Amino acid sequence: MSSVSRSNVSVELQYQEFVEVVTSFTLCTIISCVFLFINGTMLFTLRSKSVFRETCRYILLFNLLLADTVQLSLSMALFLLVVCRIKLTYPLCGSMTSLSNLTNVISPLTLMMMSLERCVAVCLPLRHAVIITIANIRMAIVALWVLSSLHNFTRIALLLDFPFEDLETLQMESFCSDFAMLLGPNSKDYDNAFTGFLFVSAGLIVISSYVCVIIAARSASEDKSSALKARNTLLLHLVQMCLSLSSTVYNPIIGPISKIIARVEFNRLQRFLYIVIIISPRCLSSLIYGLRDQTIRPVLLQNLCCRVKDVSARRC
């Protein structure tokens, strides 16, 4: 009787875990596919007209959306591999997580640039056209990608200290994730240090820009509406940056928790944090900036409607 009881409890727990996995898989897949479609349409919209291609803030927005879209695609692919219980080799997993980490750093850095651009527009309106040029913005974007790439190369160099030659096979024992690839003796320390530096520096720059714009809005005798609009935009940048930076602290949060709680509870918490920290920030950029901007909104809605109609016509 005791054996049968334990067997029934085990089956019930397995069924409950299966239902939770299917529910989270369905939820994440639907949300990710919808916003990948929206982000793709948004990227197409920002390249469809010259006014978007030749305006600095739209060039920065395109870079932000590109990084978020790639990050969302890779996160979804890694999540599907975990759900399907597929384990990768170290080289393949390292390639995917390196690209994911590259775009993960680009998002907060781009938000920093967008905040500085709005700050210059309000605080230095006469010099805005001289400082914020298309050439300077493109050089800044290249610098952001180079900086993020250097961070990635440092992670790879630290990873090489791990004794892979002692392993019988390069097949991973755990599922592929950015946390699972922190194998070198100094990898975790470096990752935590860089995360802290990025979090503090990006936060200080965006908050400083917001304070400068508030001061300029209060002291401005003319064109207060423009200053207030810039203030609201910077506030959105601050919220978006907090959400974006939350994904950079995912590893420092997951690591200690995995050593404290049981596997079942940890898997539930990990799925919840994945939706809140990884998926959500990548889904909000197009809504925050696309639907709020009066120039982008009509073109974006028109492109979305046309694509939906095109998909429906193909199915028919």
C-alpha atoms as a PDB file:
ATOM      1  CA  MET A   1       0.000   0.000   0.000  1.00  0.00           C
ATOM      2  CA  SER A   2       2.837   2.386   0.872  1.00  0.00           C
ATOM      3  CA  SER A   3       4.572   1.596  -2.411  1.00  0.00           C
ATOM      4  CA  VAL A   4       1.374   2.195  -4.397  1.00  0.00           C
ATOM      5  CA  SER A   5       0.792   5.465  -2.562  1.00  0.00           C
ATOM      6  CA  ARG A   6       4.308   6.701  -3.335  1.00  0.00           C
ATOM      7  CA  SER A   7       3.859   5.666  -6.962  1.00  0.00           C
ATOM      8  CA  ASN A   8       0.587   7.593  -7.239  1.00  0.00           C
ATOM      9  CA  VAL A   9       2.165  10.699  -5.708  1.00  0.00           C
ATOM     10  CA  SER A  10       5.104  10.446  -8.116  1.00  0.00           C
ATOM     11  CA  VAL A  11       2.796  10.111 -11.124  1.00  0.00           C
ATOM     12  CA  GLU A  12       0.727  13.056  -9.928  1.00  0.00           C
ATOM     13  CA  LEU A  13       3.809  15.237  -9.497  1.00  0.00           C
ATOM     14  CA  GLN A  14       5.084  14.282 -12.956  1.00  0.00           C
ATOM     15  CA  TYR A  15       1.699  15.103 -14.478  1.00  0.00           C
ATOM     16  CA  GLN A  16       1.584  18.447 -12.655  1.00  0.00           C
ATOM     17  CA  GLU A  17       5.086  19.329 -13.844  1.00  0.00           C
ATOM     18  CA  PHE A  18       4.144  18.291 -17.386  1.00  0.00           C
ATOM     19  CA  VAL A  19       1.089  20.591 -17.333  1.00  0.00           C
ATOM     20  CA  GLU A  20       3.221  23.478 -16.040  1.00  0.00           C
ATOM     21  CA  VAL A  21       5.827  22.937 -18.753  1.00  0.00           C
ATOM     22  CA  VAL A  22       3.184  22.785 -21.507  1.00  0.00           C
ATOM     23  CA  THR A  23       1.459  25.908 -20.171  1.00  0.00           C
ATOM     24  CA  SER A  24       4.665  27.943 -19.933  1.00  0.00           C
ATOM     25  CA  PHE A  25       5.809  26.635 -23.332  1.00  0.00           C
ATOM     26  CA  THR A  26       2.535  27.653 -24.990  1.00  0.00           C
ATOM     27  CA  LEU A  27       2.479  31.045 -23.288  1.00  0.00           C
ATOM     28  CA  CYS A  28       6.089  31.879 -24.134  1.00  0.00           C
ATOM     29  CA  THR A  29       5.801  30.621 -27.712  1.00  0.00           C
ATOM     30  CA  ILE A  30       2.653  32.609 -28.495  1.00  0.00           C
ATOM     31  CA  ILE A  31       3.979  35.806 -26.898  1.00  0.00           C
ATOM     32  CA  SER A  32       7.367  35.491 -28.587  1.00  0.00           C
ATOM     33  CA  CYS A  33       5.927  34.769 -32.034  1.00  0.00           C
ATOM     34  CA  VAL A  34       3.503  37.695 -31.823  1.00  0.00           C
ATOM     35  CA  PHE A  35       6.196  40.155 -30.800  1.00  0.00           C
ATOM     36  CA  LEU A  36       8.723  38.776 -33.255  1.00  0.00           C
ATOM     37  CA  PHE A  37       6.145  39.553 -35.929  1.00  0.00           C
ATOM     38  CA  ILE A  38       5.604  43.063 -34.516  1.00  0.00           C
ATOM     39  CA  ASN A  39       9.341  43.717 -34.153  1.00  0.00           C
ATOM     40  CA  GLY A  40       9.991  42.498 -37.689  1.00  0.00           C
ATOM     41  CA  THR A  41       7.296  44.824 -39.019  1.00  0.00           C
ATOM     42  CA  MET A  42       8.738  47.667 -36.939  1.00  0.00           C
ATOM     43  CA  LEU A  43      12.210  47.079 -38.379  1.00  0.00           C
ATOM     44  CA  PHE A  44      10.758  47.060 -41.885  1.00  0.00           C
ATOM     45  CA  THR A  45       8.896  50.288 -41.104  1.00  0.00           C
ATOM     46  CA  LEU A  46      12.057  52.055 -39.920  1.00  0.00           C
ATOM     47  CA  ARG A  47      13.769  51.177 -43.203  1.00  0.00           C
ATOM     48  CA  SER A  48      10.805  51.896 -45.466  1.00  0.00           C
ATOM     49  CA  LYS A  49      10.958  55.720 -45.489  1.00  0.00           C
ATOM     50  CA  SER A  50      13.814  58.203 -45.776  1.00  0.00           C
ATOM     51  CA  VAL A  51      12.563  60.216 -42.791  1.00  0.00           C
ATOM     52  CA  PHE A  52      13.284  57.217 -40.565  1.00  0.00           C
ATOM     53  CA  ARG A  53      16.605  56.352 -42.209  1.00  0.00           C
ATOM     54  CA  GLU A  54      17.893  59.940 -41.945  1.00  0.00           C
ATOM     55  CA  THR A  55      16.787  60.802 -38.385  1.00  0.00           C
ATOM     56  CA  CYS A  56      19.240  60.055 -35.571  1.00  0.00           C
ATOM     57  CA  ARG A  57      16.754  58.901 -32.960  1.00  0.00           C
ATOM     58  CA  TYR A  58      15.129  56.478 -35.420  1.00  0.00           C
ATOM     59  CA  ILE A  59      18.553  55.066 -36.335  1.00  0.00           C
ATOM     60  CA  LEU A  60      19.161  54.393 -32.629  1.00  0.00           C
ATOM     61  CA  LEU A  61      15.686  52.892 -32.299  1.00  0.00           C
ATOM     62  CA  PHE A  62      16.402  50.555 -35.224  1.00  0.00           C
ATOM     63  CA  ASN A  63      19.602  49.393 -33.502  1.00  0.00           C
ATOM     64  CA  LEU A  64      17.696  48.798 -30.247  1.00  0.00           C
ATOM     65  CA  LEU A  65      14.940  46.818 -31.961  1.00  0.00           C
ATOM     66  CA  LEU A  66      17.465  44.773 -33.958  1.00  0.00           C
ATOM     67  CA  ALA A  67      19.286  43.741 -30.776  1.00  0.00           C
ATOM     68  CA  ASP A  68      16.004  42.976 -28.982  1.00  0.00           C
ATOM     69  CA  THR A  69      14.702  40.908 -31.899  1.00  0.00           C
ATOM     70  CA  VAL A  70      17.867  38.800 -32.135  1.00  0.00           C
ATOM     71  CA  GLN A  71      17.901  38.370 -28.351  1.00  0.00           C
ATOM     72  CA  LEU A  72      14.247  37.318 -28.302  1.00  0.00           C
ATOM     73  CA  SER A  73      14.815  34.788 -31.114  1.00  0.00           C
ATOM     74  CA  LEU A  74      17.821  33.207 -29.396  1.00  0.00           C
ATOM     75  CA  SER A  75      16.114  33.145 -25.999  1.00  0.00           C
ATOM     76  CA  MET A  76      13.117  31.424 -27.545  1.00  0.00           C
ATOM     77  CA  ALA A  77      15.365  28.870 -29.277  1.00  0.00           C
ATOM     78  CA  LEU A  78      17.197  28.066 -26.024  1.00  0.00           C
ATOM     79  CA  PHE A  79      13.887  27.781 -24.180  1.00  0.00           C
ATOM     80  CA  LEU A  80      12.527  25.331 -26.777  1.00  0.00           C
ATOM     81  CA  LEU A  81      15.690  23.228 -26.459  1.00  0.00           C
ATOM     82  CA  VAL A  82      15.181  23.002 -22.698  1.00  0.00           C
ATOM     83  CA  VAL A  83      11.500  22.113 -23.046  1.00  0.00           C
ATOM     84  CA  CYS A  84      12.313  19.420 -25.620  1.00  0.00           C
ATOM     85  CA  ARG A  85      15.088  18.072 -23.347  1.00  0.00           C
ATOM     86  CA  ILE A  86      17.741  18.577 -26.041  1.00  0.00           C
ATOM     87  CA  LYS A  87      21.327  18.977 -24.844  1.00  0.00           C
ATOM     88  CA  LEU A  88      23.881  20.628 -27.103  1.00  0.00           C
ATOM     89  CA  THR A  89      27.642  20.387 -27.366  1.00  0.00           C
ATOM     90  CA  TYR A  90      29.810  23.027 -25.719  1.00  0.00           C
ATOM     91  CA  PRO A  91      30.917  24.670 -29.021  1.00  0.00           C
ATOM     92  CA  LEU A  92      27.352  24.977 -30.341  1.00  0.00           C
ATOM     93  CA  CYS A  93      25.987  26.213 -27.034  1.00  0.00           C
ATOM     94  CA  GLY A  94      28.889  28.659 -26.706  1.00  0.00           C
ATOM     95  CA  SER A  95      28.157  30.120 -30.139  1.00  0.00           C
ATOM     96  CA  MET A  96      24.467  30.661 -29.351  1.00  0.00           C
ATOM     97  CA  THR A  97      25.050  32.127 -25.901  1.00  0.00           C
ATOM     98  CA  SER A  98      27.834  34.407 -27.188  1.00  0.00           C
ATOM     99  CA  LEU A  99      25.518  35.954 -29.766  1.00  0.00           C
ATOM    100  CA  SER A 100      22.776  36.201 -27.157  1.00  0.00           C
ATOM    101  CA  ASN A 101      25.112  37.902 -24.694  1.00  0.00           C
ATOM    102  CA  LEU A 102      26.325  40.272 -27.423  1.00  0.00           C
ATOM    103  CA  THR A 103      22.831  41.588 -28.148  1.00  0.00           C
ATOM    104  CA  ASN A 104      21.938  41.525 -24.464  1.00  0.00           C
ATOM    105  CA  VAL A 105      24.595  44.171 -23.760  1.00  0.00           C
ATOM    106  CA  ILE A 106      23.732  46.246 -26.841  1.00  0.00           C
ATOM    107  CA  SER A 107      20.217  47.102 -25.592  1.00  0.00           C
ATOM    108  CA  PRO A 108      21.145  49.081 -22.428  1.00  0.00           C
ATOM    109  CA  LEU A 109      24.050  50.746 -24.235  1.00  0.00           C
ATOM    110  CA  THR A 110      21.709  51.912 -26.999  1.00  0.00           C
ATOM    111  CA  LEU A 111      19.237  53.219 -24.431  1.00  0.00           C
ATOM    112  CA  MET A 112      22.093  55.226 -22.926  1.00  0.00           C
ATOM    113  CA  MET A 113      22.752  56.797 -26.325  1.00  0.00           C
ATOM    114  CA  MET A 114      19.051  57.537 -26.840  1.00  0.00           C
ATOM    115  CA  SER A 115      18.896  59.269 -23.453  1.00  0.00           C
ATOM    116  CA  LEU A 116      21.973  61.370 -24.207  1.00  0.00           C
ATOM    117  CA  GLU A 117      20.495  62.354 -27.576  1.00  0.00           C
ATOM    118  CA  ARG A 118      17.299  63.641 -25.926  1.00  0.00           C
ATOM    119  CA  CYS A 119      19.333  65.425 -23.260  1.00  0.00           C
ATOM    120  CA  VAL A 120      21.408  67.258 -25.874  1.00  0.00           C
ATOM    121  CA  ALA A 121      18.238  68.139 -27.823  1.00  0.00           C
ATOM    122  CA  VAL A 122      16.734  69.889 -24.774  1.00  0.00           C
ATOM    123  CA  CYS A 123      19.760  71.250 -22.920  1.00  0.00           C
ATOM    124  CA  LEU A 124      21.819  72.242 -25.983  1.00  0.00           C
ATOM    125  CA  PRO A 125      19.247  72.908 -28.701  1.00  0.00           C
ATOM    126  CA  LEU A 126      21.514  75.255 -30.701  1.00  0.00           C
ATOM    127  CA  ARG A 127      24.328  72.677 -30.867  1.00  0.00           C
ATOM    128  CA  HIS A 128      22.109  69.606 -31.304  1.00  0.00           C
ATOM    129  CA  ALA A 129      22.395  69.609 -35.089  1.00  0.00           C
ATOM    130  CA  VAL A 130      26.207  69.840 -34.833  1.00  0.00           C
ATOM    131  CA  ILE A 131      26.715  67.198 -32.133  1.00  0.00           C
ATOM    132  CA  ILE A 132      23.995  64.710 -33.066  1.00  0.00           C
ATOM    133  CA  THR A 133      24.678  63.945 -36.719  1.00  0.00           C
ATOM    134  CA  ILE A 134      24.038  60.780 -38.700  1.00  0.00           C
ATOM    135  CA  ALA A 135      27.782  60.179 -39.048  1.00  0.00           C
ATOM    136  CA  ASN A 136      28.363  60.564 -35.305  1.00  0.00           C
ATOM    137  CA  ILE A 137      25.421  58.302 -34.468  1.00  0.00           C
ATOM    138  CA  ARG A 138      26.666  55.596 -36.808  1.00  0.00           C
ATOM    139  CA  MET A 139      30.146  55.824 -35.295  1.00  0.00           C
ATOM    140  CA  ALA A 140      28.603  55.573 -31.809  1.00  0.00           C
ATOM    141  CA  ILE A 141      26.622  52.475 -32.837  1.00  0.00           C
ATOM    142  CA  VAL A 142      29.783  50.845 -34.199  1.00  0.00           C
ATOM    143  CA  ALA A 143      31.538  51.682 -30.910  1.00  0.00           C
ATOM    144  CA  LEU A 144      28.695  50.030 -28.959  1.00  0.00           C
ATOM    145  CA  TRP A 145      28.986  46.824 -30.961  1.00  0.00           C
ATOM    146  CA  VAL A 146      32.799  46.844 -30.609  1.00  0.00           C
ATOM    147  CA  LEU A 147      32.538  47.315 -26.836  1.00  0.00           C
ATOM    148  CA  SER A 148      30.025  44.493 -26.538  1.00  0.00           C
ATOM    149  CA  SER A 149      32.211  42.281 -28.749  1.00  0.00           C
ATOM    150  CA  LEU A 150      35.243  42.946 -26.533  1.00  0.00           C
ATOM    151  CA  HIS A 151      33.181  41.863 -23.542  1.00  0.00           C
ATOM    152  CA  ASN A 152      32.272  38.675 -25.392  1.00  0.00           C
ATOM    153  CA  PHE A 153      35.887  37.977 -26.368  1.00  0.00           C
ATOM    154  CA  THR A 154      36.907  38.394 -22.720  1.00  0.00           C
ATOM    155  CA  ARG A 155      34.278  35.841 -21.680  1.00  0.00           C
ATOM    156  CA  ILE A 156      35.555  33.417 -24.344  1.00  0.00           C
ATOM    157  CA  ALA A 157      39.170  33.919 -23.206  1.00  0.00           C
ATOM    158  CA  LEU A 158      38.190  33.131 -19.625  1.00  0.00           C
ATOM    159  CA  LEU A 159      36.240  30.112 -20.841  1.00  0.00           C
ATOM    160  CA  LEU A 160      39.392  28.675 -22.438  1.00  0.00           C
ATOM    161  CA  ASP A 161      40.861  28.174 -18.957  1.00  0.00           C
ATOM    162  CA  PHE A 162      38.360  25.374 -18.422  1.00  0.00           C
ATOM    163  CA  PRO A 163      40.007  21.933 -18.973  1.00  0.00           C
ATOM    164  CA  PHE A 164      37.913  20.738 -21.923  1.00  0.00           C
ATOM    165  CA  GLU A 165      40.641  18.240 -22.849  1.00  0.00           C
ATOM    166  CA  ASP A 166      39.898  16.290 -19.671  1.00  0.00           C
ATOM    167  CA  LEU A 167      36.298  15.693 -20.690  1.00  0.00           C
ATOM    168  CA  GLU A 168      35.363  12.392 -22.313  1.00  0.00           C
ATOM    169  CA  THR A 169      32.958  14.163 -24.663  1.00  0.00           C
ATOM    170  CA  LEU A 170      31.997  17.722 -25.534  1.00  0.00           C
ATOM    171  CA  GLN A 171      28.332  16.867 -24.996  1.00  0.00           C
ATOM    172  CA  MET A 172      26.916  19.049 -22.204  1.00  0.00           C
ATOM    173  CA  GLU A 173      25.544  17.389 -19.100  1.00  0.00           C
ATOM    174  CA  SER A 174      23.107  20.264 -18.461  1.00  0.00           C
ATOM    175  CA  PHE A 175      20.885  22.208 -20.816  1.00  0.00           C
ATOM    176  CA  CYS A 176      22.350  25.065 -22.814  1.00  0.00           C
ATOM    177  CA  SER A 177      22.152  28.483 -21.154  1.00  0.00           C
ATOM    178  CA  ASP A 178      24.347  31.478 -20.562  1.00  0.00           C
ATOM    179  CA  PHE A 179      24.714  30.456 -16.921  1.00  0.00           C
ATOM    180  CA  ALA A 180      25.827  26.935 -17.905  1.00  0.00           C
ATOM    181  CA  MET A 181      28.668  28.394 -20.011  1.00  0.00           C
ATOM    182  CA  LEU A 182      30.300  30.216 -17.070  1.00  0.00           C
ATOM    183  CA  LEU A 183      32.834  27.409 -16.690  1.00  0.00           C
ATOM    184  CA  GLY A 184      36.172  29.127 -16.194  1.00  0.00           C
ATOM    185  CA  PRO A 185      37.424  29.762 -12.654  1.00  0.00           C
ATOM    186  CA  ASN A 186      37.130  33.538 -13.112  1.00  0.00           C
ATOM    187  CA  SER A 187      34.155  33.618 -15.497  1.00  0.00           C
ATOM    188  CA  LYS A 188      31.493  34.130 -12.852  1.00  0.00           C
ATOM    189  CA  ASP A 189      33.465  36.853 -11.068  1.00  0.00           C
ATOM    190  CA  TYR A 190      34.052  38.713 -14.319  1.00  0.00           C
ATOM    191  CA  ASP A 191      30.430  38.351 -15.388  1.00  0.00           C
ATOM    192  CA  ASN A 192      29.167  39.716 -12.052  1.00  0.00           C
ATOM    193  CA  ALA A 193      31.669  42.593 -12.146  1.00  0.00           C
ATOM    194  CA  PHE A 194      30.756  43.585 -15.704  1.00  0.00           C
ATOM    195  CA  THR A 195      27.044  43.323 -14.916  1.00  0.00           C
ATOM    196  CA  GLY A 196      27.456  45.615 -11.928  1.00  0.00           C
ATOM    197  CA  PHE A 197      29.506  48.120 -13.934  1.00  0.00           C
ATOM    198  CA  LEU A 198      26.975  48.145 -16.787  1.00  0.00           C
ATOM    199  CA  PHE A 199      24.026  48.468 -14.416  1.00  0.00           C
ATOM    200  CA  VAL A 200      25.531  51.368 -12.446  1.00  0.00           C
ATOM    201  CA  SER A 201      26.967  53.304 -15.406  1.00  0.00           C
ATOM    202  CA  ALA A 202      23.830  53.000 -17.556  1.00  0.00           C
ATOM    203  CA  GLY A 203      21.619  53.942 -14.614  1.00  0.00           C
ATOM    204  CA  LEU A 204      23.698  57.007 -13.755  1.00  0.00           C
ATOM    205  CA  ILE A 205      23.731  58.260 -17.356  1.00  0.00           C
ATOM    206  CA  VAL A 206      19.976  57.880 -17.888  1.00  0.00           C
ATOM    207  CA  ILE A 207      19.094  59.363 -14.481  1.00  0.00           C
ATOM    208  CA  SER A 208      21.523  62.274 -15.007  1.00  0.00           C
ATOM    209  CA  SER A 209      19.973  62.968 -18.412  1.00  0.00           C
ATOM    210  CA  TYR A 210      16.508  62.877 -16.882  1.00  0.00           C
ATOM    211  CA  VAL A 211      17.510  65.347 -14.136  1.00  0.00           C
ATOM    212  CA  CYS A 212      19.122  67.706 -16.659  1.00  0.00           C
ATOM    213  CA  VAL A 213      15.979  67.679 -18.801  1.00  0.00           C
ATOM    214  CA  ILE A 214      13.772  68.387 -15.748  1.00  0.00           C
ATOM    215  CA  ILE A 215      15.967  71.382 -14.825  1.00  0.00           C
ATOM    216  CA  ALA A 216      15.893  72.636 -18.415  1.00  0.00           C
ATOM    217  CA  ALA A 217      12.093  72.214 -18.560  1.00  0.00           C
ATOM    218  CA  ARG A 218      11.606  74.277 -15.396  1.00  0.00           C
ATOM    219  CA  SER A 219      13.939  77.062 -16.464  1.00  0.00           C
ATOM    220  CA  ALA A 220      12.764  77.258 -20.066  1.00  0.00           C
ATOM    221  CA  SER A 221      10.696  80.330 -20.828  1.00  0.00           C
ATOM    222  CA  GLU A 222       9.768  79.108 -24.302  1.00  0.00           C
ATOM    223  CA  ASP A 223       8.968  75.768 -25.857  1.00  0.00           C
ATOM    224  CA  LYS A 224       8.148  74.115 -22.534  1.00  0.00           C
ATOM    225  CA  SER A 225       6.004  71.535 -24.285  1.00  0.00           C
ATOM    226  CA  SER A 226       9.053  70.199 -26.147  1.00  0.00           C
ATOM    227  CA  ALA A 227      11.023  69.952 -22.895  1.00  0.00           C
ATOM    228  CA  LEU A 228       8.163  68.167 -21.146  1.00  0.00           C
ATOM    229  CA  LYS A 229       7.825  65.744 -24.053  1.00  0.00           C
ATOM    230  CA  ALA A 230      11.550  65.012 -23.867  1.00  0.00           C
ATOM    231  CA  ARG A 231      11.196  64.462 -20.109  1.00  0.00           C
ATOM    232  CA  ASN A 232       8.447  61.902 -20.670  1.00  0.00           C
ATOM    233  CA  THR A 233      10.552  60.210 -23.331  1.00  0.00           C
ATOM    234  CA  LEU A 234      13.502  59.953 -20.952  1.00  0.00           C
ATOM    235  CA  LEU A 235      11.226  58.526 -18.285  1.00  0.00           C
ATOM    236  CA  LEU A 236      10.236  55.802 -20.747  1.00  0.00           C
ATOM    237  CA  HIS A 237      13.939  55.252 -21.495  1.00  0.00           C
ATOM    238  CA  LEU A 238      14.549  54.822 -17.765  1.00  0.00           C
ATOM    239  CA  VAL A 239      11.747  52.259 -17.421  1.00  0.00           C
ATOM    240  CA  GLN A 240      12.874  50.405 -20.535  1.00  0.00           C
ATOM    241  CA  MET A 241      16.489  50.450 -19.393  1.00  0.00           C
ATOM    242  CA  CYS A 242      15.534  48.958 -16.017  1.00  0.00           C
ATOM    243  CA  LEU A 243      13.665  46.188 -17.813  1.00  0.00           C
ATOM    244  CA  SER A 244      16.535  45.656 -20.227  1.00  0.00           C
ATOM    245  CA  LEU A 245      19.165  45.606 -17.490  1.00  0.00           C
ATOM    246  CA  SER A 246      17.067  43.107 -15.567  1.00  0.00           C
ATOM    247  CA  SER A 247      18.097  40.492 -18.131  1.00  0.00           C
ATOM    248  CA  THR A 248      21.772  41.189 -17.369  1.00  0.00           C
ATOM    249  CA  VAL A 249      21.226  40.302 -13.699  1.00  0.00           C
ATOM    250  CA  TYR A 250      19.471  37.039 -14.603  1.00  0.00           C
ATOM    251  CA  ASN A 251      22.617  34.937 -14.081  1.00  0.00           C
ATOM    252  CA  PRO A 252      23.592  36.481 -10.703  1.00  0.00           C
ATOM    253  CA  ILE A 253      20.031  35.838  -9.492  1.00  0.00           C
ATOM    254  CA  ILE A 254      19.686  32.285 -10.797  1.00  0.00           C
ATOM    255  CA  GLY A 255      23.105  31.085  -9.607  1.00  0.00           C
ATOM    256  CA  PRO A 256      22.639  31.430  -5.820  1.00  0.00           C
ATOM    257  CA  ILE A 257      18.976  30.363  -5.976  1.00  0.00           C
ATOM    258  CA  SER A 258      19.852  27.077  -7.707  1.00  0.00           C
ATOM    259  CA  LYS A 259      21.930  26.072  -4.663  1.00  0.00           C
ATOM    260  CA  ILE A 260      19.183  26.802  -2.133  1.00  0.00           C
ATOM    261  CA  ILE A 261      15.863  25.406  -3.375  1.00  0.00           C
ATOM    262  CA  ALA A 262      14.837  22.017  -4.752  1.00  0.00           C
ATOM    263  CA  ARG A 263      14.888  21.185  -8.459  1.00  0.00           C
ATOM    264  CA  VAL A 264      11.112  21.289  -9.017  1.00  0.00           C
ATOM    265  CA  GLU A 265      10.687  24.674  -7.331  1.00  0.00           C
ATOM    266  CA  PHE A 266      13.789  25.975  -9.102  1.00  0.00           C
ATOM    267  CA  ASN A 267      12.406  24.967 -12.522  1.00  0.00           C
ATOM    268  CA  ARG A 268       9.148  26.782 -11.781  1.00  0.00           C
ATOM    269  CA  LEU A 269      10.954  29.902 -10.598  1.00  0.00           C
ATOM    270  CA  GLN A 270      13.297  29.791 -13.582  1.00  0.00           C
ATOM    271  CA  ARG A 271      10.380  29.672 -16.039  1.00  0.00           C
ATOM    272  CA  PHE A 272       8.696  32.570 -14.243  1.00  0.00           C
ATOM    273  CA  LEU A 273      11.874  34.678 -14.233  1.00  0.00           C
ATOM    274  CA  TYR A 274      12.443  33.806 -17.886  1.00  0.00           C
ATOM    275  CA  ILE A 275       9.067  35.307 -18.848  1.00  0.00           C
ATOM    276  CA  VAL A 276       9.426  38.378 -16.609  1.00  0.00           C
ATOM    277  CA  ILE A 277      13.133  39.169 -17.078  1.00  0.00           C
ATOM    278  CA  ILE A 278      14.028  37.837 -20.535  1.00  0.00           C
ATOM    279  CA  ILE A 279      10.853  37.869 -22.635  1.00  0.00           C
ATOM    280  CA  SER A 280       9.008  40.953 -21.342  1.00  0.00           C
ATOM    281  CA  PRO A 281      11.699  43.627 -21.940  1.00  0.00           C
ATOM    282  CA  ARG A 282      12.234  42.445 -25.524  1.00  0.00           C
ATOM    283  CA  CYS A 283       8.519  42.661 -26.245  1.00  0.00           C
ATOM    284  CA  LEU A 284       7.943  46.209 -25.012  1.00  0.00           C
ATOM    285  CA  SER A 285      10.323  48.249 -27.180  1.00  0.00           C
ATOM    286  CA  SER A 286       8.107  48.217 -30.257  1.00  0.00           C
ATOM    287  CA  LEU A 287       5.023  49.091 -28.178  1.00  0.00           C
ATOM    288  CA  ILE A 288       6.703  51.829 -26.139  1.00  0.00           C
ATOM    289  CA  TYR A 289       8.303  53.623 -29.071  1.00  0.00           C
ATOM    290  CA  GLY A 290       6.278  52.470 -32.073  1.00  0.00           C
ATOM    291  CA  LEU A 291       2.767  53.236 -30.863  1.00  0.00           C
ATOM    292  CA  ARG A 292       3.769  56.373 -28.923  1.00  0.00           C
ATOM    293  CA  ASP A 293       5.594  58.121 -31.777  1.00  0.00           C
ATOM    294  CA  GLN A 294       3.097  59.986 -33.945  1.00  0.00           C
ATOM    295  CA  THR A 295       5.346  59.688 -37.005  1.00  0.00           C
ATOM    296  CA  ILE A 296       5.878  55.936 -36.751  1.00  0.00           C
ATOM    297  CA  ARG A 297       2.405  54.934 -35.535  1.00  0.00           C
ATOM    298  CA  PRO A 298       0.361  55.345 -38.759  1.00  0.00           C
ATOM    299  CA  VAL A 299       3.040  53.691 -40.921  1.00  0.00           C
ATOM    300  CA  LEU A 300       3.485  50.839 -38.441  1.00  0.00           C
ATOM    301  CA  LEU A 301      -0.252  50.175 -38.147  1.00  0.00           C
ATOM    302  CA  GLN A 302      -0.607  50.259 -41.917  1.00  0.00           C
ATOM    303  CA  ASN A 303       2.233  47.759 -42.373  1.00  0.00           C
ATOM    304  CA  LEU A 304       0.837  45.499 -39.646  1.00  0.00           C
ATOM    305  CA  CYS A 305      -2.614  45.481 -41.234  1.00  0.00           C
ATOM    306  CA  CYS A 306      -1.162  44.781 -44.682  1.00  0.00           C
ATOM    307  CA  ARG A 307       0.933  41.883 -43.389  1.00  0.00           C
ATOM    308  CA  VAL A 308      -1.961  40.370 -41.469  1.00  0.00           C
ATOM    309  CA  LYS A 309      -4.154  40.586 -44.581  1.00  0.00           C
ATOM    310  CA  ASP A 310      -1.352  39.082 -46.691  1.00  0.00           C
ATOM    311  CA  VAL A 311      -0.983  36.131 -44.282  1.00  0.00           C
ATOM    312  CA  SER A 312      -4.754  35.602 -44.240  1.00  0.00           C
ATOM    313  CA  ALA A 313      -4.911  35.689 -48.039  1.00  0.00           C
ATOM    314  CA  ARG A 314      -2.139  33.112 -48.328  1.00  0.00           C
ATOM    315  CA  ARG A 315      -3.940  30.771 -45.940  1.00  0.00           C
ATOM    316  CA  CYS A 316      -7.152  31.136 -47.921  1.00  0.00           C
END
